[in-house]
């Protein structure tokens, strides 16, 4: 198996090895169309399949993790300043929401090899801009 196989100017952003070690999720960016792509790579025979990730891959913060059973990928979706973790089945089914936070952003997370367990960090981001004038 090749270590990296990117064509047509694709740049690797993230990779994640499935819990069973049989698959690799690879997130790539293609500059010519400005899109992120998600590939599922079979580690045994080096076949690549594009997962129709839709718009969630663009909002994922490039932070993907495999489920314990290796049948799906967890990702962060942040909208209006609130992050939630979703799961996208790799068989092409519809994603479904895992967490139901009503405030704050999720900065990082990781899933456990044990189903139903995950660790994450979340909080608020603050930034201030001040204009300082009339100083000498």
N, C-alpha and C. Protein backbone atom coordinates (compact mmCIF):
# COMPACT_ATOMS: atom_id res chain seq x y z
N UNK A 1 0.84 -1.18 0.00
CA UNK A 1 0.00 0.00 0.00
C UNK A 1 0.89 1.24 0.00
N UNK A 2 0.50 2.23 -0.77
CA UNK A 2 1.23 3.49 -0.79
C UNK A 2 0.95 4.28 0.48
N UNK A 3 1.94 5.00 0.95
CA UNK A 3 1.77 5.82 2.14
C UNK A 3 0.83 6.97 1.86
N UNK A 4 0.96 7.61 0.72
CA UNK A 4 0.08 8.72 0.36
C UNK A 4 -0.15 8.69 -1.13
N UNK A 5 -1.37 8.88 -1.53
CA UNK A 5 -1.72 8.87 -2.94
C UNK A 5 -2.67 10.02 -3.18
N UNK A 6 -2.13 11.13 -3.55
CA UNK A 6 -2.96 12.30 -3.86
C UNK A 6 -2.68 12.70 -5.29
N UNK A 7 -3.72 12.89 -6.04
CA UNK A 7 -3.55 13.26 -7.44
C UNK A 7 -4.29 14.56 -7.72
N UNK A 8 -4.07 15.08 -8.88
CA UNK A 8 -4.77 16.29 -9.33
C UNK A 8 -4.60 17.46 -8.36
N UNK A 9 -3.45 17.53 -7.70
CA UNK A 9 -3.20 18.65 -6.81
C UNK A 9 -3.89 18.58 -5.46
N UNK A 10 -4.35 17.39 -5.07
CA UNK A 10 -4.99 17.26 -3.77
C UNK A 10 -3.94 17.27 -2.66
N UNK A 11 -4.29 17.91 -1.56
CA UNK A 11 -3.41 18.02 -0.41
C UNK A 11 -4.06 17.27 0.74
N UNK A 12 -3.29 16.38 1.39
CA UNK A 12 -3.81 15.67 2.54
C UNK A 12 -3.92 16.61 3.73
N UNK A 13 -5.09 16.60 4.38
CA UNK A 13 -5.33 17.42 5.56
C UNK A 13 -5.31 16.58 6.83
N UNK A 14 -6.05 15.49 6.82
CA UNK A 14 -6.16 14.62 7.98
C UNK A 14 -6.31 13.18 7.52
N UNK A 15 -5.82 12.28 8.35
CA UNK A 15 -6.09 10.86 8.15
C UNK A 15 -6.47 10.27 9.50
N UNK A 16 -7.25 9.21 9.47
CA UNK A 16 -7.63 8.51 10.70
C UNK A 16 -7.76 7.03 10.36
N UNK A 17 -7.12 6.19 11.14
CA UNK A 17 -7.17 4.74 10.94
C UNK A 17 -8.33 4.19 11.74
N UNK A 18 -9.12 3.31 11.10
CA UNK A 18 -10.29 2.74 11.77
C UNK A 18 -9.86 1.90 12.97
N UNK A 19 -10.80 1.70 13.89
CA UNK A 19 -10.51 0.94 15.10
C UNK A 19 -10.10 -0.49 14.77
N UNK A 20 -10.64 -1.05 13.69
CA UNK A 20 -10.27 -2.43 13.33
C UNK A 20 -9.03 -2.49 12.45
N UNK A 21 -8.48 -1.33 12.08
CA UNK A 21 -7.25 -1.29 11.30
C UNK A 21 -7.40 -1.62 9.83
N UNK A 22 -8.62 -1.79 9.36
CA UNK A 22 -8.85 -2.22 7.98
C UNK A 22 -9.09 -1.07 7.01
N UNK A 23 -9.37 0.13 7.54
CA UNK A 23 -9.71 1.25 6.68
C UNK A 23 -9.02 2.52 7.17
N UNK A 24 -8.82 3.43 6.24
CA UNK A 24 -8.26 4.73 6.56
C UNK A 24 -9.20 5.78 5.99
N UNK A 25 -9.54 6.76 6.80
CA UNK A 25 -10.30 7.92 6.31
C UNK A 25 -9.27 8.99 6.00
N UNK A 26 -9.33 9.54 4.82
CA UNK A 26 -8.38 10.58 4.41
C UNK A 26 -9.15 11.79 3.92
N UNK A 27 -8.91 12.91 4.56
CA UNK A 27 -9.54 14.16 4.15
C UNK A 27 -8.53 14.94 3.32
N UNK A 28 -8.93 15.33 2.12
CA UNK A 28 -8.05 16.05 1.21
C UNK A 28 -8.69 17.37 0.81
N UNK A 29 -7.86 18.28 0.33
CA UNK A 29 -8.32 19.56 -0.18
C UNK A 29 -7.81 19.71 -1.60
N UNK A 30 -8.68 20.12 -2.49
CA UNK A 30 -8.32 20.33 -3.89
C UNK A 30 -8.41 21.81 -4.18
N UNK A 31 -7.26 22.43 -4.40
CA UNK A 31 -7.20 23.89 -4.56
C UNK A 31 -7.98 24.37 -5.78
N UNK A 32 -7.97 23.60 -6.87
CA UNK A 32 -8.61 24.10 -8.10
C UNK A 32 -10.12 24.27 -7.98
N UNK A 33 -10.77 23.52 -7.07
CA UNK A 33 -12.20 23.76 -6.87
C UNK A 33 -12.52 24.22 -5.45
N UNK A 34 -11.48 24.33 -4.58
CA UNK A 34 -11.67 24.86 -3.24
C UNK A 34 -12.50 23.98 -2.32
N UNK A 35 -12.55 22.68 -2.61
CA UNK A 35 -13.38 21.75 -1.83
C UNK A 35 -12.54 20.79 -1.01
N UNK A 36 -13.11 20.36 0.10
CA UNK A 36 -12.57 19.24 0.86
C UNK A 36 -13.24 17.96 0.36
N UNK A 37 -12.49 16.88 0.35
CA UNK A 37 -13.01 15.57 -0.04
C UNK A 37 -12.71 14.58 1.08
N UNK A 38 -13.54 13.56 1.21
CA UNK A 38 -13.30 12.51 2.19
C UNK A 38 -13.25 11.17 1.47
N UNK A 39 -12.16 10.47 1.68
CA UNK A 39 -11.93 9.17 1.04
C UNK A 39 -11.88 8.08 2.10
N UNK A 40 -12.45 6.93 1.79
CA UNK A 40 -12.30 5.75 2.62
C UNK A 40 -11.39 4.81 1.84
N UNK A 41 -10.26 4.47 2.44
CA UNK A 41 -9.25 3.65 1.77
C UNK A 41 -9.23 2.28 2.42
N UNK A 42 -9.37 1.24 1.61
CA UNK A 42 -9.27 -0.12 2.10
C UNK A 42 -7.78 -0.44 2.25
N UNK A 43 -7.34 -0.69 3.47
CA UNK A 43 -5.92 -0.89 3.74
C UNK A 43 -5.38 -2.18 3.13
N UNK A 44 -6.24 -3.16 2.90
CA UNK A 44 -5.78 -4.44 2.36
C UNK A 44 -5.47 -4.38 0.87
N UNK A 45 -6.29 -3.64 0.11
CA UNK A 45 -6.10 -3.67 -1.34
C UNK A 45 -5.92 -2.28 -1.96
N UNK A 46 -5.79 -1.25 -1.15
CA UNK A 46 -5.52 0.11 -1.61
C UNK A 46 -6.60 0.67 -2.54
N UNK A 47 -7.85 0.26 -2.35
CA UNK A 47 -8.93 0.86 -3.14
C UNK A 47 -9.45 2.09 -2.41
N UNK A 48 -9.74 3.13 -3.18
CA UNK A 48 -10.21 4.40 -2.66
C UNK A 48 -11.67 4.60 -3.07
N UNK A 49 -12.50 4.99 -2.10
CA UNK A 49 -13.89 5.31 -2.39
C UNK A 49 -14.18 6.68 -1.79
N UNK A 50 -14.77 7.54 -2.60
CA UNK A 50 -15.12 8.87 -2.08
C UNK A 50 -16.41 8.74 -1.28
N UNK A 51 -16.39 9.25 -0.06
CA UNK A 51 -17.59 9.29 0.75
C UNK A 51 -18.28 10.60 0.44
N UNK A 52 -19.53 10.54 0.04
CA UNK A 52 -20.26 11.77 -0.28
C UNK A 52 -20.53 12.50 1.02
N UNK A 53 -19.58 13.35 1.39
CA UNK A 53 -19.62 14.00 2.69
C UNK A 53 -20.49 15.25 2.71
N UNK A 54 -20.87 15.74 1.54
CA UNK A 54 -21.69 16.94 1.52
C UNK A 54 -20.97 18.11 2.17
N UNK A 55 -21.75 19.03 2.70
CA UNK A 55 -21.15 20.24 3.25
C UNK A 55 -20.57 20.05 4.64
N UNK A 56 -20.90 18.97 5.33
CA UNK A 56 -20.40 18.83 6.70
C UNK A 56 -18.89 18.74 6.74
N UNK A 57 -18.28 18.17 5.74
CA UNK A 57 -16.82 18.03 5.76
C UNK A 57 -16.14 19.39 5.79
N UNK A 58 -16.76 20.39 5.19
CA UNK A 58 -16.20 21.74 5.19
C UNK A 58 -16.31 22.38 6.58
N UNK A 59 -17.32 21.98 7.35
CA UNK A 59 -17.55 22.56 8.68
C UNK A 59 -16.95 21.72 9.80
N UNK A 60 -16.28 20.61 9.46
CA UNK A 60 -15.82 19.66 10.47
C UNK A 60 -14.61 20.12 11.24
N UNK A 61 -14.00 21.23 10.81
CA UNK A 61 -12.77 21.64 11.46
C UNK A 61 -11.67 20.64 11.20
N UNK A 62 -11.88 19.85 10.19
CA UNK A 62 -10.90 18.83 9.81
C UNK A 62 -10.53 17.95 10.99
N UNK A 63 -11.56 17.55 11.72
CA UNK A 63 -11.40 16.75 12.92
C UNK A 63 -12.35 15.57 12.80
N UNK A 64 -11.87 14.44 12.33
CA UNK A 64 -12.69 13.26 12.13
C UNK A 64 -12.12 12.10 12.95
N UNK A 65 -13.02 11.25 13.45
CA UNK A 65 -12.64 10.08 14.22
C UNK A 65 -13.56 8.93 13.85
N UNK A 66 -13.04 7.72 13.90
CA UNK A 66 -13.83 6.53 13.60
C UNK A 66 -14.70 6.14 14.79
N UNK A 67 -15.83 5.52 14.51
CA UNK A 67 -16.66 4.92 15.55
C UNK A 67 -15.98 3.63 16.01
N UNK A 68 -16.39 3.12 17.16
CA UNK A 68 -15.78 1.91 17.73
C UNK A 68 -15.96 0.70 16.80
N UNK A 69 -17.08 0.64 16.08
CA UNK A 69 -17.33 -0.49 15.19
C UNK A 69 -16.79 -0.28 13.77
N UNK A 70 -16.12 0.84 13.53
CA UNK A 70 -15.53 1.19 12.23
C UNK A 70 -16.57 1.31 11.11
N UNK A 71 -17.80 1.58 11.47
CA UNK A 71 -18.86 1.74 10.47
C UNK A 71 -19.23 3.19 10.19
N UNK A 72 -18.57 4.12 10.90
CA UNK A 72 -18.90 5.52 10.70
C UNK A 72 -17.79 6.43 11.19
N UNK A 73 -17.98 7.71 10.90
CA UNK A 73 -17.02 8.73 11.29
C UNK A 73 -17.72 9.80 12.12
N UNK A 74 -17.11 10.15 13.23
CA UNK A 74 -17.59 11.27 14.03
C UNK A 74 -16.94 12.54 13.51
N UNK A 75 -17.65 13.64 13.59
CA UNK A 75 -17.10 14.93 13.20
C UNK A 75 -17.80 16.04 13.99
N UNK A 76 -17.15 17.20 14.05
CA UNK A 76 -17.72 18.37 14.71
C UNK A 76 -18.40 19.24 13.66
N UNK A 77 -19.60 19.67 13.95
CA UNK A 77 -20.31 20.63 13.11
C UNK A 77 -20.64 21.83 13.98
N UNK A 78 -20.06 22.98 13.64
CA UNK A 78 -20.28 24.20 14.41
C UNK A 78 -21.10 25.17 13.58
N UNK A 79 -22.24 25.55 14.12
CA UNK A 79 -23.09 26.53 13.46
C UNK A 79 -23.58 27.53 14.50
N UNK A 80 -23.52 28.80 14.14
CA UNK A 80 -23.93 29.89 15.04
C UNK A 80 -23.19 29.83 16.38
N UNK A 81 -21.92 29.42 16.34
CA UNK A 81 -21.09 29.41 17.54
C UNK A 81 -21.29 28.23 18.47
N UNK A 82 -22.16 27.28 18.10
CA UNK A 82 -22.43 26.10 18.94
C UNK A 82 -22.00 24.85 18.18
N UNK A 83 -21.17 24.03 18.84
CA UNK A 83 -20.67 22.80 18.22
C UNK A 83 -21.45 21.59 18.70
N UNK A 84 -21.62 20.67 17.79
CA UNK A 84 -22.22 19.38 18.10
C UNK A 84 -21.39 18.31 17.39
N UNK A 85 -21.37 17.12 17.95
CA UNK A 85 -20.71 16.00 17.29
C UNK A 85 -21.79 15.19 16.58
N UNK A 86 -21.47 14.88 15.33
CA UNK A 86 -22.36 14.08 14.48
C UNK A 86 -21.62 12.82 14.05
N UNK A 87 -22.38 11.83 13.57
CA UNK A 87 -21.79 10.61 13.05
C UNK A 87 -22.30 10.38 11.64
N UNK A 88 -21.34 10.19 10.71
CA UNK A 88 -21.66 9.90 9.31
C UNK A 88 -21.37 8.43 9.04
N UNK A 89 -22.41 7.61 8.76
CA UNK A 89 -22.14 6.22 8.40
C UNK A 89 -21.34 6.16 7.09
N UNK A 90 -20.39 5.24 7.00
CA UNK A 90 -19.60 5.17 5.77
C UNK A 90 -20.32 4.42 4.67
N UNK A 91 -21.48 3.82 4.99
CA UNK A 91 -22.26 3.16 3.94
C UNK A 91 -23.09 4.14 3.14
N UNK A 92 -22.95 5.45 3.47
CA UNK A 92 -23.66 6.48 2.70
C UNK A 92 -24.97 6.91 3.30
N UNK A 93 -25.35 6.37 4.46
CA UNK A 93 -26.59 6.78 5.10
C UNK A 93 -26.51 8.23 5.57
N UNK A 94 -27.61 8.71 6.10
CA UNK A 94 -27.70 10.08 6.59
C UNK A 94 -26.94 10.22 7.91
N UNK A 95 -26.26 11.35 8.10
CA UNK A 95 -25.59 11.57 9.40
C UNK A 95 -26.61 11.79 10.50
N UNK A 96 -26.22 11.45 11.73
CA UNK A 96 -27.11 11.74 12.85
C UNK A 96 -26.33 12.36 14.00
N UNK A 97 -27.04 13.19 14.76
CA UNK A 97 -26.45 13.98 15.83
C UNK A 97 -26.16 13.09 17.04
N UNK A 98 -24.95 13.26 17.63
CA UNK A 98 -24.55 12.49 18.80
C UNK A 98 -24.69 13.33 20.08
N UNK A 99 -24.21 14.58 20.05
CA UNK A 99 -24.33 15.44 21.23
C UNK A 99 -25.40 16.50 20.98
N UNK A 100 -25.88 17.10 22.06
CA UNK A 100 -26.93 18.11 21.92
C UNK A 100 -26.60 19.33 22.78
N UNK A 101 -25.39 19.84 22.66
CA UNK A 101 -25.02 21.03 23.41
C UNK A 101 -25.77 22.24 22.85
N UNK A 102 -26.10 23.18 23.71
CA UNK A 102 -26.82 24.38 23.27
C UNK A 102 -25.96 25.64 23.35
N UNK A 103 -24.70 25.46 23.79
CA UNK A 103 -23.78 26.59 23.84
C UNK A 103 -22.35 26.08 23.70
N UNK A 104 -21.44 26.98 23.43
CA UNK A 104 -20.00 26.72 23.38
C UNK A 104 -19.56 25.94 22.15
N UNK A 105 -18.25 25.99 21.95
CA UNK A 105 -17.62 25.30 20.82
C UNK A 105 -16.88 24.07 21.33
N UNK A 106 -16.83 23.05 20.51
CA UNK A 106 -15.99 21.89 20.79
C UNK A 106 -14.67 22.14 20.08
N UNK A 107 -13.58 22.12 20.84
CA UNK A 107 -12.27 22.40 20.26
C UNK A 107 -11.62 21.12 19.73
N UNK A 108 -11.66 20.06 20.50
CA UNK A 108 -11.07 18.78 20.12
C UNK A 108 -11.90 17.67 20.74
N UNK A 109 -11.82 16.50 20.13
CA UNK A 109 -12.47 15.34 20.71
C UNK A 109 -11.75 14.09 20.24
N UNK A 110 -11.99 13.01 20.94
CA UNK A 110 -11.48 11.71 20.50
C UNK A 110 -12.48 10.66 20.95
N UNK A 111 -12.58 9.60 20.15
CA UNK A 111 -13.51 8.53 20.47
C UNK A 111 -12.72 7.37 21.09
N UNK A 112 -13.42 6.57 21.85
CA UNK A 112 -12.82 5.43 22.53
C UNK A 112 -13.04 4.17 21.70
N UNK A 113 -12.13 3.21 21.82
CA UNK A 113 -12.39 1.91 21.18
C UNK A 113 -13.63 1.24 21.78
N UNK A 114 -14.03 1.66 22.99
CA UNK A 114 -15.26 1.17 23.60
C UNK A 114 -16.42 2.01 23.10
N UNK A 115 -17.41 1.36 22.57
CA UNK A 115 -18.57 2.08 22.03
C UNK A 115 -19.22 2.94 23.09
N UNK A 116 -19.65 4.12 22.70
CA UNK A 116 -20.41 4.99 23.59
C UNK A 116 -19.56 5.89 24.48
N UNK A 117 -18.25 5.90 24.28
CA UNK A 117 -17.39 6.76 25.10
C UNK A 117 -16.57 7.68 24.22
N UNK A 118 -16.44 8.93 24.69
CA UNK A 118 -15.65 9.91 23.97
C UNK A 118 -15.21 10.98 24.95
N UNK A 119 -14.08 11.60 24.65
CA UNK A 119 -13.58 12.72 25.45
C UNK A 119 -13.55 13.95 24.56
N UNK A 120 -13.83 15.11 25.15
CA UNK A 120 -13.80 16.33 24.36
C UNK A 120 -13.48 17.53 25.23
N UNK A 121 -12.99 18.57 24.58
CA UNK A 121 -12.79 19.86 25.25
C UNK A 121 -13.70 20.85 24.57
N UNK A 122 -14.35 21.69 25.38
CA UNK A 122 -15.25 22.68 24.83
C UNK A 122 -15.26 23.92 25.71
N UNK A 123 -15.65 25.02 25.12
CA UNK A 123 -15.70 26.28 25.86
C UNK A 123 -16.03 27.41 24.90
N UNK A 124 -15.70 28.61 25.32
CA UNK A 124 -15.99 29.77 24.49
C UNK A 124 -14.68 30.38 23.99
N UNK A 125 -14.77 31.03 22.86
CA UNK A 125 -13.65 31.78 22.32
C UNK A 125 -13.98 33.24 22.50
N UNK A 126 -13.02 33.98 23.02
CA UNK A 126 -13.25 35.40 23.22
C UNK A 126 -12.14 36.18 22.52
N UNK A 127 -12.53 37.29 21.93
CA UNK A 127 -11.54 38.19 21.34
C UNK A 127 -12.10 39.60 21.41
N UNK A 128 -11.21 40.53 21.68
CA UNK A 128 -11.60 41.93 21.78
C UNK A 128 -10.75 42.75 20.82
N UNK A 129 -11.35 43.75 20.27
CA UNK A 129 -10.64 44.71 19.44
C UNK A 129 -10.86 46.07 20.06
N UNK A 130 -9.78 46.77 20.30
CA UNK A 130 -9.90 48.11 20.89
C UNK A 130 -9.14 49.09 20.03
N UNK A 131 -9.70 50.28 19.88
CA UNK A 131 -9.06 51.35 19.15
C UNK A 131 -8.42 52.28 20.16
N UNK A 132 -7.15 52.47 20.03
CA UNK A 132 -6.41 53.39 20.90
C UNK A 132 -5.99 54.57 20.03
N UNK A 133 -6.38 55.75 20.42
CA UNK A 133 -6.03 56.93 19.64
C UNK A 133 -5.62 58.07 20.56
N UNK A 134 -5.13 59.13 19.97
CA UNK A 134 -4.69 60.31 20.69
C UNK A 134 -3.66 59.99 21.76
N UNK A 135 -2.67 59.27 21.39
CA UNK A 135 -1.57 58.99 22.32
C UNK A 135 -0.28 59.52 21.74
N UNK A 136 0.57 59.95 22.58
CA UNK A 136 1.90 60.46 22.20
C UNK A 136 2.88 60.20 23.29
